[in-house]
């Protein structure tokens, strides 16, 4: 398999993992409890899989375990950005209560931010060139997110809450019926 094809395969795997992240995060919520309890375990998973996976990959690549400062600092910054993203995603999911609403905005926005960051880095190096097709891509991302939001199935509507008076009347009727049935038996 060519390096490009292998890279594309891993990119698709990443899209699948991160695409499932939002719905899994939604499933981790316990009604009545803070949504940040699962975030603690997200951090543990990042630590375990990041360290274990990184160490295995370093070993398999044949490289050594001496780390230049640049790798350490930028790795820490990247990990922090990922963790902060998981934290803000947790809060977004908690507020919106709908992965199909939040995830297209997150990933459409992330794609755009990554491309804009690339343009800024190019500008700093004096090599900036914006292809008009990239501008069309930005527009299509926005249009795509809007279309996904408008036409996605956003889950079942929440059941309407019973008014307190109706709930109390139902309970009272049940007690009266039970009392009346007991009286009739005796």
N, C-alpha and C. Protein backbone atom coordinates (compact mmCIF):
# COMPACT_ATOMS: atom_id res chain seq x y z
N UNK A 1 0.86 -1.17 0.00
CA UNK A 1 0.00 0.00 0.00
C UNK A 1 0.91 1.24 0.00
N UNK A 2 0.56 2.22 -0.81
CA UNK A 2 1.39 3.43 -0.91
C UNK A 2 1.26 4.26 0.36
N UNK A 3 2.27 5.10 0.66
CA UNK A 3 2.18 5.96 1.84
C UNK A 3 0.94 6.87 1.82
N UNK A 4 0.58 7.38 0.63
CA UNK A 4 -0.62 8.23 0.53
C UNK A 4 -1.88 7.44 0.88
N UNK A 5 -1.99 6.23 0.35
CA UNK A 5 -3.17 5.40 0.62
C UNK A 5 -3.23 5.03 2.10
N UNK A 6 -2.07 4.70 2.68
CA UNK A 6 -2.02 4.37 4.10
C UNK A 6 -2.41 5.59 4.96
N UNK A 7 -1.89 6.75 4.55
CA UNK A 7 -2.26 7.98 5.26
C UNK A 7 -3.75 8.25 5.18
N UNK A 8 -4.34 8.04 4.00
CA UNK A 8 -5.78 8.22 3.83
C UNK A 8 -6.56 7.23 4.68
N UNK A 9 -6.09 5.99 4.74
CA UNK A 9 -6.75 4.98 5.57
C UNK A 9 -6.77 5.41 7.04
N UNK A 10 -5.63 5.91 7.54
CA UNK A 10 -5.59 6.36 8.93
C UNK A 10 -6.42 7.63 9.13
N UNK A 11 -6.51 8.47 8.12
CA UNK A 11 -7.36 9.66 8.22
C UNK A 11 -8.83 9.26 8.34
N UNK A 12 -9.23 8.27 7.56
CA UNK A 12 -10.61 7.77 7.65
C UNK A 12 -10.86 7.16 9.03
N UNK A 13 -9.88 6.41 9.54
CA UNK A 13 -10.02 5.82 10.88
C UNK A 13 -10.18 6.93 11.93
N UNK A 14 -9.40 8.01 11.79
CA UNK A 14 -9.52 9.13 12.72
C UNK A 14 -10.91 9.75 12.64
N UNK A 15 -11.41 9.95 11.42
CA UNK A 15 -12.75 10.51 11.25
C UNK A 15 -13.80 9.62 11.91
N UNK A 16 -13.64 8.31 11.79
CA UNK A 16 -14.59 7.38 12.43
C UNK A 16 -14.49 7.50 13.96
N UNK A 17 -13.26 7.46 14.50
CA UNK A 17 -13.09 7.57 15.96
C UNK A 17 -13.67 8.88 16.47
N UNK A 18 -13.30 9.99 15.84
CA UNK A 18 -13.75 11.29 16.33
C UNK A 18 -15.22 11.51 16.03
N UNK A 19 -15.72 10.92 14.96
CA UNK A 19 -17.15 11.01 14.67
C UNK A 19 -17.99 10.26 15.70
N UNK A 20 -17.45 9.17 16.22
CA UNK A 20 -18.16 8.40 17.25
C UNK A 20 -17.96 8.99 18.65
N UNK A 21 -16.96 9.87 18.79
CA UNK A 21 -16.64 10.47 20.09
C UNK A 21 -17.84 11.24 20.65
N UNK A 22 -18.46 12.08 19.83
CA UNK A 22 -19.60 12.88 20.31
C UNK A 22 -20.77 12.03 20.77
N UNK A 23 -21.23 11.09 19.94
CA UNK A 23 -22.32 10.23 20.40
C UNK A 23 -21.96 9.42 21.65
N UNK A 24 -20.70 8.94 21.74
CA UNK A 24 -20.28 8.20 22.95
C UNK A 24 -20.29 9.13 24.16
N UNK A 25 -19.87 10.36 23.96
CA UNK A 25 -19.89 11.34 25.04
C UNK A 25 -21.32 11.60 25.48
N UNK A 26 -22.24 11.68 24.53
CA UNK A 26 -23.65 11.85 24.86
C UNK A 26 -24.19 10.68 25.68
N UNK A 27 -23.77 9.46 25.34
CA UNK A 27 -24.21 8.27 26.08
C UNK A 27 -23.63 8.23 27.49
N UNK A 28 -22.51 8.91 27.72
CA UNK A 28 -21.85 8.86 29.03
C UNK A 28 -22.56 9.73 30.07
N UNK A 29 -23.46 10.56 29.63
CA UNK A 29 -24.15 11.47 30.56
C UNK A 29 -25.15 10.72 31.43
N UNK A 30 -25.19 11.08 32.69
CA UNK A 30 -26.16 10.53 33.64
C UNK A 30 -27.10 11.68 34.01
N UNK A 31 -28.39 11.56 33.72
CA UNK A 31 -29.31 12.65 34.04
C UNK A 31 -29.21 13.03 35.53
N UNK A 32 -29.18 14.32 35.77
CA UNK A 32 -29.12 14.82 37.13
C UNK A 32 -27.71 14.94 37.69
N UNK A 33 -26.71 14.48 36.93
CA UNK A 33 -25.32 14.58 37.39
C UNK A 33 -24.53 15.44 36.42
N UNK A 34 -23.44 15.98 36.90
CA UNK A 34 -22.61 16.82 36.05
C UNK A 34 -22.05 16.00 34.88
N UNK A 35 -22.01 16.60 33.67
CA UNK A 35 -21.47 15.87 32.53
C UNK A 35 -19.95 15.78 32.57
N UNK A 36 -19.32 16.40 33.57
CA UNK A 36 -17.87 16.42 33.62
C UNK A 36 -17.29 15.21 34.33
N UNK A 37 -18.14 14.37 34.92
CA UNK A 37 -17.64 13.12 35.50
C UNK A 37 -17.01 12.24 34.41
N UNK A 38 -17.66 12.07 33.25
CA UNK A 38 -17.01 11.28 32.19
C UNK A 38 -15.72 11.92 31.70
N UNK A 39 -15.60 13.24 31.79
CA UNK A 39 -14.41 13.94 31.32
C UNK A 39 -13.17 13.45 32.08
N UNK A 40 -13.34 13.12 33.35
CA UNK A 40 -12.21 12.58 34.13
C UNK A 40 -11.71 11.29 33.47
N UNK A 41 -12.63 10.45 33.03
CA UNK A 41 -12.24 9.20 32.39
C UNK A 41 -11.74 9.41 30.97
N UNK A 42 -12.21 10.48 30.32
CA UNK A 42 -11.65 10.86 29.02
C UNK A 42 -10.17 11.18 29.21
N UNK A 43 -9.85 11.92 30.25
CA UNK A 43 -8.46 12.25 30.55
C UNK A 43 -7.62 11.02 30.82
N UNK A 44 -8.19 10.09 31.58
CA UNK A 44 -7.47 8.84 31.86
C UNK A 44 -7.22 8.07 30.56
N UNK A 45 -8.23 8.04 29.69
CA UNK A 45 -8.08 7.34 28.41
C UNK A 45 -7.00 8.01 27.55
N UNK A 46 -7.01 9.35 27.51
CA UNK A 46 -5.96 10.06 26.76
C UNK A 46 -4.59 9.69 27.31
N UNK A 47 -4.47 9.67 28.62
CA UNK A 47 -3.18 9.36 29.24
C UNK A 47 -2.73 7.95 28.91
N UNK A 48 -3.62 6.99 29.13
CA UNK A 48 -3.28 5.58 28.90
C UNK A 48 -2.96 5.33 27.43
N UNK A 49 -3.91 5.68 26.54
CA UNK A 49 -3.73 5.37 25.12
C UNK A 49 -2.67 6.26 24.48
N UNK A 50 -2.57 7.49 24.93
CA UNK A 50 -1.54 8.38 24.39
C UNK A 50 -0.15 7.89 24.73
N UNK A 51 0.07 7.56 26.00
CA UNK A 51 1.40 7.09 26.43
C UNK A 51 1.70 5.71 25.87
N UNK A 52 0.75 4.78 26.01
CA UNK A 52 0.97 3.41 25.54
C UNK A 52 1.12 3.37 24.02
N UNK A 53 0.17 4.01 23.33
CA UNK A 53 0.22 4.02 21.86
C UNK A 53 1.45 4.72 21.34
N UNK A 54 1.80 5.85 21.97
CA UNK A 54 3.00 6.58 21.56
C UNK A 54 4.26 5.77 21.76
N UNK A 55 4.37 5.11 22.90
CA UNK A 55 5.56 4.30 23.21
C UNK A 55 5.69 3.13 22.24
N UNK A 56 4.57 2.47 21.95
CA UNK A 56 4.59 1.34 21.01
C UNK A 56 4.99 1.84 19.62
N UNK A 57 4.42 2.98 19.19
CA UNK A 57 4.73 3.51 17.86
C UNK A 57 6.20 3.93 17.76
N UNK A 58 6.75 4.54 18.83
CA UNK A 58 8.17 4.92 18.83
C UNK A 58 9.02 3.65 18.69
N UNK A 59 8.68 2.63 19.45
CA UNK A 59 9.43 1.37 19.41
C UNK A 59 9.35 0.73 18.03
N UNK A 60 8.14 0.66 17.46
CA UNK A 60 7.97 0.04 16.14
C UNK A 60 8.67 0.82 15.04
N UNK A 61 8.79 2.14 15.21
CA UNK A 61 9.44 2.96 14.19
C UNK A 61 10.96 2.83 14.24
N UNK A 62 11.48 2.22 15.32
CA UNK A 62 12.92 2.05 15.45
C UNK A 62 13.63 3.26 16.01
N UNK A 63 12.88 4.27 16.42
CA UNK A 63 13.49 5.47 16.99
C UNK A 63 13.76 5.26 18.47
N UNK A 64 14.58 6.13 19.05
CA UNK A 64 14.91 6.03 20.47
C UNK A 64 13.95 6.86 21.32
N UNK A 65 14.17 6.77 22.62
CA UNK A 65 13.29 7.46 23.56
C UNK A 65 13.90 8.74 24.13
N UNK A 66 14.80 9.39 23.41
CA UNK A 66 15.26 10.72 23.82
C UNK A 66 14.38 11.73 23.09
N UNK A 67 13.87 12.70 23.85
CA UNK A 67 12.89 13.62 23.29
C UNK A 67 13.46 15.04 23.22
N UNK A 68 13.54 15.60 22.00
CA UNK A 68 13.97 16.99 21.87
C UNK A 68 12.93 17.92 22.51
N UNK A 69 13.37 19.08 22.97
CA UNK A 69 12.47 20.03 23.63
C UNK A 69 11.29 20.40 22.74
N UNK A 70 11.55 20.60 21.45
CA UNK A 70 10.47 20.98 20.53
C UNK A 70 9.36 19.92 20.52
N UNK A 71 9.74 18.65 20.48
CA UNK A 71 8.74 17.58 20.49
C UNK A 71 7.95 17.59 21.80
N UNK A 72 8.65 17.82 22.91
CA UNK A 72 7.98 17.85 24.21
C UNK A 72 7.01 19.01 24.34
N UNK A 73 7.49 20.22 24.01
CA UNK A 73 6.63 21.41 24.19
C UNK A 73 5.45 21.39 23.23
N UNK A 74 5.72 21.15 21.94
CA UNK A 74 4.62 21.14 20.98
C UNK A 74 3.69 19.95 21.21
N UNK A 75 4.23 18.82 21.67
CA UNK A 75 3.36 17.69 22.03
C UNK A 75 2.45 18.03 23.18
N UNK A 76 3.02 18.73 24.19
CA UNK A 76 2.20 19.14 25.34
C UNK A 76 1.14 20.15 24.92
N UNK A 77 1.52 21.09 24.07
CA UNK A 77 0.55 22.08 23.58
C UNK A 77 -0.56 21.39 22.79
N UNK A 78 -0.18 20.47 21.89
CA UNK A 78 -1.19 19.75 21.11
C UNK A 78 -2.11 18.93 22.01
N UNK A 79 -1.54 18.24 23.00
CA UNK A 79 -2.36 17.47 23.94
C UNK A 79 -3.29 18.36 24.74
N UNK A 80 -2.80 19.53 25.13
CA UNK A 80 -3.63 20.47 25.88
C UNK A 80 -4.78 20.97 25.02
N UNK A 81 -4.49 21.28 23.76
CA UNK A 81 -5.55 21.72 22.85
C UNK A 81 -6.60 20.62 22.68
N UNK A 82 -6.13 19.37 22.56
CA UNK A 82 -7.07 18.25 22.46
C UNK A 82 -7.91 18.10 23.71
N UNK A 83 -7.28 18.24 24.87
CA UNK A 83 -8.02 18.11 26.14
C UNK A 83 -9.00 19.27 26.32
N UNK A 84 -8.56 20.49 25.98
CA UNK A 84 -9.49 21.62 26.08
C UNK A 84 -10.64 21.45 25.10
N UNK A 85 -10.35 20.91 23.92
CA UNK A 85 -11.41 20.63 22.96
C UNK A 85 -12.40 19.61 23.49
N UNK A 86 -11.89 18.58 24.16
CA UNK A 86 -12.78 17.58 24.77
C UNK A 86 -13.63 18.22 25.87
N UNK A 87 -13.02 19.12 26.64
CA UNK A 87 -13.76 19.80 27.71
C UNK A 87 -14.85 20.69 27.13
N UNK A 88 -14.52 21.51 26.12
CA UNK A 88 -15.54 22.38 25.55
C UNK A 88 -16.59 21.58 24.79
N UNK A 89 -16.20 20.45 24.19
CA UNK A 89 -17.18 19.59 23.55
C UNK A 89 -18.12 18.99 24.59
N UNK A 90 -17.58 18.59 25.73
CA UNK A 90 -18.42 18.07 26.81
C UNK A 90 -19.46 19.11 27.22
N UNK A 91 -19.02 20.35 27.37
CA UNK A 91 -19.95 21.41 27.77
C UNK A 91 -20.97 21.69 26.67
N UNK A 92 -20.52 21.67 25.39
CA UNK A 92 -21.44 21.89 24.27
C UNK A 92 -22.51 20.80 24.23
N UNK A 93 -22.09 19.55 24.43
CA UNK A 93 -23.04 18.44 24.41
C UNK A 93 -24.00 18.54 25.60
N UNK A 94 -23.49 18.97 26.74
CA UNK A 94 -24.32 19.13 27.94
C UNK A 94 -25.40 20.18 27.71
N UNK A 95 -25.02 21.29 27.10
CA UNK A 95 -25.97 22.36 26.87
C UNK A 95 -26.96 22.00 25.75
N UNK A 96 -26.45 21.52 24.61
CA UNK A 96 -27.30 21.24 23.45
C UNK A 96 -28.05 19.93 23.60
N UNK A 97 -27.48 18.98 24.34
CA UNK A 97 -28.07 17.66 24.55
C UNK A 97 -28.34 16.93 23.23
N UNK A 98 -27.46 17.14 22.23
CA UNK A 98 -27.70 16.55 20.92
C UNK A 98 -26.40 16.47 20.13
N UNK A 99 -25.86 15.26 20.00
CA UNK A 99 -24.60 15.08 19.27
C UNK A 99 -24.74 15.47 17.81
N UNK A 100 -25.88 15.17 17.19
CA UNK A 100 -26.03 15.47 15.76
C UNK A 100 -26.11 16.97 15.51
N UNK A 101 -26.37 17.74 16.53
CA UNK A 101 -26.37 19.20 16.41
C UNK A 101 -24.95 19.74 16.58
N UNK A 102 -24.22 19.21 17.53
CA UNK A 102 -22.91 19.75 17.90
C UNK A 102 -21.80 19.27 16.98
N UNK A 103 -21.77 18.00 16.65
CA UNK A 103 -20.62 17.42 15.95
C UNK A 103 -20.33 18.03 14.58
N UNK A 104 -21.32 18.29 13.72
CA UNK A 104 -20.99 18.91 12.43
C UNK A 104 -20.36 20.30 12.60
N UNK A 105 -20.81 21.05 13.59
CA UNK A 105 -20.22 22.37 13.84
C UNK A 105 -18.77 22.21 14.30
N UNK A 106 -18.55 21.26 15.20
CA UNK A 106 -17.20 21.02 15.72
C UNK A 106 -16.25 20.63 14.60
N UNK A 107 -16.62 19.65 13.80
CA UNK A 107 -15.69 19.14 12.80
C UNK A 107 -15.61 20.02 11.56
N UNK A 108 -16.71 20.64 11.17
CA UNK A 108 -16.64 21.61 10.08
C UNK A 108 -15.79 22.80 10.50
N UNK A 109 -15.99 23.24 11.74
CA UNK A 109 -15.18 24.36 12.25
C UNK A 109 -13.73 23.98 12.41
N UNK A 110 -13.45 22.77 12.88
CA UNK A 110 -12.06 22.32 13.07
C UNK A 110 -11.32 22.27 11.74
N UNK A 111 -11.99 21.81 10.70
CA UNK A 111 -11.38 21.76 9.37
C UNK A 111 -11.01 23.17 8.92
N UNK A 112 -11.92 24.11 9.12
CA UNK A 112 -11.66 25.49 8.71
C UNK A 112 -10.54 26.12 9.54
N UNK A 113 -10.54 25.89 10.85
CA UNK A 113 -9.49 26.45 11.71
C UNK A 113 -8.13 25.88 11.31
N UNK A 114 -8.06 24.58 11.02
CA UNK A 114 -6.79 23.98 10.60
C UNK A 114 -6.30 24.59 9.29
N UNK A 115 -7.20 24.81 8.34
CA UNK A 115 -6.80 25.41 7.07
C UNK A 115 -6.36 26.86 7.25
N UNK A 116 -7.07 27.62 8.06
CA UNK A 116 -6.70 29.02 8.31
C UNK A 116 -5.35 29.09 9.03
N UNK A 117 -5.14 28.19 9.99
CA UNK A 117 -3.85 28.14 10.68
C UNK A 117 -2.72 27.85 9.69
N UNK A 118 -2.96 26.94 8.76
CA UNK A 118 -1.97 26.65 7.72
C UNK A 118 -1.65 27.89 6.88
N UNK A 119 -2.68 28.67 6.56
CA UNK A 119 -2.46 29.91 5.81
C UNK A 119 -1.65 30.91 6.61
N UNK A 120 -1.92 31.02 7.91
CA UNK A 120 -1.17 31.94 8.77
C UNK A 120 0.30 31.52 8.84
N UNK A 121 0.55 30.21 8.97
CA UNK A 121 1.93 29.71 9.01
C UNK A 121 2.63 30.01 7.69
N UNK A 122 1.93 29.81 6.57
CA UNK A 122 2.51 30.14 5.27
C UNK A 122 2.84 31.63 5.18
N UNK A 123 1.93 32.47 5.68
CA UNK A 123 2.15 33.92 5.64
C UNK A 123 3.38 34.30 6.45
N UNK A 124 3.57 33.65 7.61
CA UNK A 124 4.75 33.93 8.43
C UNK A 124 6.04 33.54 7.72
N UNK A 125 5.96 32.54 6.85
CA UNK A 125 7.14 32.09 6.10
C UNK A 125 7.29 32.85 4.78
N UNK A 126 6.37 33.78 4.52
CA UNK A 126 6.41 34.55 3.28
C UNK A 126 6.00 33.76 2.05
N UNK A 127 5.28 32.67 2.23
CA UNK A 127 4.91 31.79 1.11
C UNK A 127 3.39 31.71 0.92
N UNK A 128 2.63 32.63 1.49
CA UNK A 128 1.17 32.47 1.48
C UNK A 128 0.60 32.58 0.07
N UNK A 129 -0.23 31.61 -0.25
CA UNK A 129 -0.96 31.59 -1.52
C UNK A 129 -2.32 30.99 -1.23
N UNK A 130 -3.36 31.74 -1.52
CA UNK A 130 -4.72 31.22 -1.32
C UNK A 130 -5.27 30.83 -2.67
N UNK A 131 -5.53 29.55 -2.82
CA UNK A 131 -6.14 29.03 -4.03
C UNK A 131 -7.63 29.36 -3.96
N UNK A 132 -8.23 29.91 -5.01
CA UNK A 132 -9.66 30.21 -4.98
C UNK A 132 -10.52 28.99 -4.65
N UNK A 133 -10.03 27.82 -5.00
CA UNK A 133 -10.79 26.59 -4.69
C UNK A 133 -10.86 26.38 -3.17
N UNK A 134 -9.85 26.87 -2.44
CA UNK A 134 -9.89 26.76 -0.99
C UNK A 134 -11.00 27.64 -0.42
N UNK A 135 -11.18 28.82 -0.98
CA UNK A 135 -12.26 29.70 -0.54
C UNK A 135 -13.63 29.06 -0.81
N UNK A 136 -13.73 28.39 -1.95
CA UNK A 136 -14.97 27.67 -2.25
C UNK A 136 -15.17 26.55 -1.22
N UNK A 137 -14.08 25.88 -0.84
CA UNK A 137 -14.15 24.83 0.19
C UNK A 137 -14.65 25.38 1.52
N UNK A 138 -14.15 26.55 1.92
CA UNK A 138 -14.65 27.18 3.16
C UNK A 138 -16.15 27.40 3.08
N UNK A 139 -16.60 27.93 1.95
CA UNK A 139 -18.03 28.20 1.77
C UNK A 139 -18.82 26.89 1.81
N UNK A 140 -18.30 25.85 1.17
CA UNK A 140 -19.00 24.56 1.17
C UNK A 140 -19.07 23.95 2.56
N UNK A 141 -18.05 24.15 3.38
CA UNK A 141 -18.09 23.65 4.76
C UNK A 141 -19.25 24.31 5.51
N UNK A 142 -19.36 25.62 5.38
CA UNK A 142 -20.44 26.35 6.06
C UNK A 142 -21.80 25.87 5.55
N UNK A 143 -21.93 25.78 4.24
CA UNK A 143 -23.19 25.31 3.65
C UNK A 143 -23.49 23.89 4.11
N UNK A 144 -22.46 23.03 4.11
CA UNK A 144 -22.65 21.64 4.55
C UNK A 144 -23.11 21.55 5.99
N UNK A 145 -22.50 22.33 6.88
CA UNK A 145 -22.90 22.30 8.30
C UNK A 145 -24.35 22.76 8.44
N UNK A 146 -24.72 23.82 7.73
CA UNK A 146 -26.10 24.32 7.80
C UNK A 146 -27.07 23.25 7.30
N UNK A 147 -26.74 22.59 6.18
CA UNK A 147 -27.63 21.56 5.64
C UNK A 147 -27.73 20.36 6.59
N UNK A 148 -26.60 19.96 7.17
CA UNK A 148 -26.64 18.84 8.11
C UNK A 148 -27.52 19.20 9.31
N UNK A 149 -27.36 20.41 9.82
CA UNK A 149 -28.15 20.83 10.98
C UNK A 149 -29.63 20.88 10.64
N UNK A 150 -29.95 21.39 9.48
CA UNK A 150 -31.36 21.57 9.12
C UNK A 150 -32.06 20.23 8.87
N UNK A 151 -31.36 19.28 8.29
CA UNK A 151 -32.02 18.05 7.85
C UNK A 151 -31.63 16.80 8.62
N UNK A 152 -30.81 16.92 9.67
CA UNK A 152 -30.46 15.74 10.48
C UNK A 152 -31.61 15.34 11.38
N UNK A 153 -31.65 14.05 11.64
CA UNK A 153 -32.56 13.57 12.67
C UNK A 153 -31.90 13.92 14.00
N UNK A 154 -32.55 14.72 14.79
CA UNK A 154 -31.96 15.18 16.05
C UNK A 154 -32.51 14.40 17.24
N UNK A 155 -32.94 13.19 17.02
CA UNK A 155 -33.41 12.36 18.13
C UNK A 155 -34.86 12.67 18.45
N UNK A 156 -35.46 11.84 19.30
CA UNK A 156 -36.86 12.05 19.64
C UNK A 156 -37.03 13.31 20.50
N UNK A 157 -38.19 13.91 20.36
CA UNK A 157 -38.50 15.08 21.18
C UNK A 157 -38.67 14.64 22.62
N UNK A 158 -38.23 15.46 23.57
CA UNK A 158 -38.39 15.08 24.97
C UNK A 158 -39.87 15.02 25.34
N UNK A 159 -40.20 14.08 26.21
CA UNK A 159 -41.59 13.95 26.67
C UNK A 159 -41.95 15.18 27.48
N UNK A 160 -43.17 15.71 27.23
CA UNK A 160 -43.56 16.89 28.01
C UNK A 160 -43.72 16.54 29.48
N UNK A 161 -43.30 17.44 30.33
CA UNK A 161 -43.41 17.22 31.77
C UNK A 161 -44.86 17.43 32.20
N UNK A 162 -45.31 16.59 33.14
CA UNK A 162 -46.67 16.76 33.67
C UNK A 162 -46.68 17.98 34.59
N UNK A 163 -47.70 18.80 34.49
CA UNK A 163 -47.81 19.89 35.47
C UNK A 163 -47.96 19.30 36.87
N UNK A 164 -47.44 19.98 37.86
CA UNK A 164 -47.45 19.49 39.23
C UNK A 164 -48.87 19.21 39.71
N UNK A 165 -49.82 20.06 39.37
CA UNK A 165 -51.20 19.88 39.82
C UNK A 165 -51.80 18.60 39.24
N UNK A 166 -51.54 18.32 37.95
CA UNK A 166 -52.07 17.12 37.31
C UNK A 166 -51.46 15.87 37.92
N UNK A 167 -50.17 15.90 38.18
CA UNK A 167 -49.50 14.76 38.79
C UNK A 167 -50.06 14.49 40.18
N UNK A 168 -50.31 15.56 40.96
CA UNK A 168 -50.86 15.42 42.31
C UNK A 168 -52.29 14.88 42.25
N UNK A 169 -53.08 15.35 41.28
CA UNK A 169 -54.46 14.88 41.15
C UNK A 169 -54.47 13.40 40.80
N UNK A 170 -53.59 12.97 39.91
CA UNK A 170 -53.52 11.56 39.54
C UNK A 170 -53.17 10.71 40.76
N UNK A 171 -52.19 11.17 41.55
CA UNK A 171 -51.83 10.44 42.76
C UNK A 171 -52.99 10.42 43.74
N UNK A 172 -53.68 11.54 43.90
CA UNK A 172 -54.81 11.61 44.84
C UNK A 172 -55.93 10.69 44.40
N UNK A 173 -56.23 10.66 43.07
CA UNK A 173 -57.28 9.78 42.56
C UNK A 173 -56.93 8.33 42.83
N UNK A 174 -55.68 7.98 42.66
CA UNK A 174 -55.25 6.60 42.92
C UNK A 174 -55.46 6.23 44.37
N UNK A 175 -55.17 7.15 45.30
CA UNK A 175 -55.35 6.89 46.73
C UNK A 175 -56.83 6.76 47.04
N UNK A 176 -57.65 7.69 46.47
CA UNK A 176 -59.10 7.62 46.72
C UNK A 176 -59.67 6.32 46.18
N UNK A 177 -59.21 5.89 44.96
CA UNK A 177 -59.71 4.64 44.39
C UNK A 177 -59.32 3.46 45.27
N UNK A 178 -58.08 3.44 45.77
CA UNK A 178 -57.63 2.36 46.64
C UNK A 178 -58.44 2.33 47.93
N UNK A 179 -58.72 3.51 48.52
CA UNK A 179 -59.50 3.59 49.75
C UNK A 179 -60.93 3.12 49.50
N UNK A 180 -61.51 3.55 48.36
CA UNK A 180 -62.88 3.16 48.03
C UNK A 180 -62.95 1.65 47.82
N UNK A 181 -61.97 1.05 47.13
CA UNK A 181 -61.97 -0.40 46.89
C UNK A 181 -61.85 -1.15 48.21
N UNK A 182 -61.05 -0.66 49.13
CA UNK A 182 -60.88 -1.31 50.43
C UNK A 182 -62.18 -1.25 51.22
N UNK A 183 -62.90 -0.12 51.15
CA UNK A 183 -64.15 0.04 51.88
C UNK A 183 -65.20 -0.92 51.33
N UNK A 184 -65.26 -1.05 50.00
CA UNK A 184 -66.24 -1.94 49.36
C UNK A 184 -66.01 -3.39 49.75
N UNK A 185 -64.74 -3.80 49.94
CA UNK A 185 -64.43 -5.18 50.31
C UNK A 185 -64.89 -5.49 51.73
N UNK A 186 -64.89 -4.51 52.61
CA UNK A 186 -65.21 -4.80 53.99
C UNK A 186 -66.65 -4.65 54.25
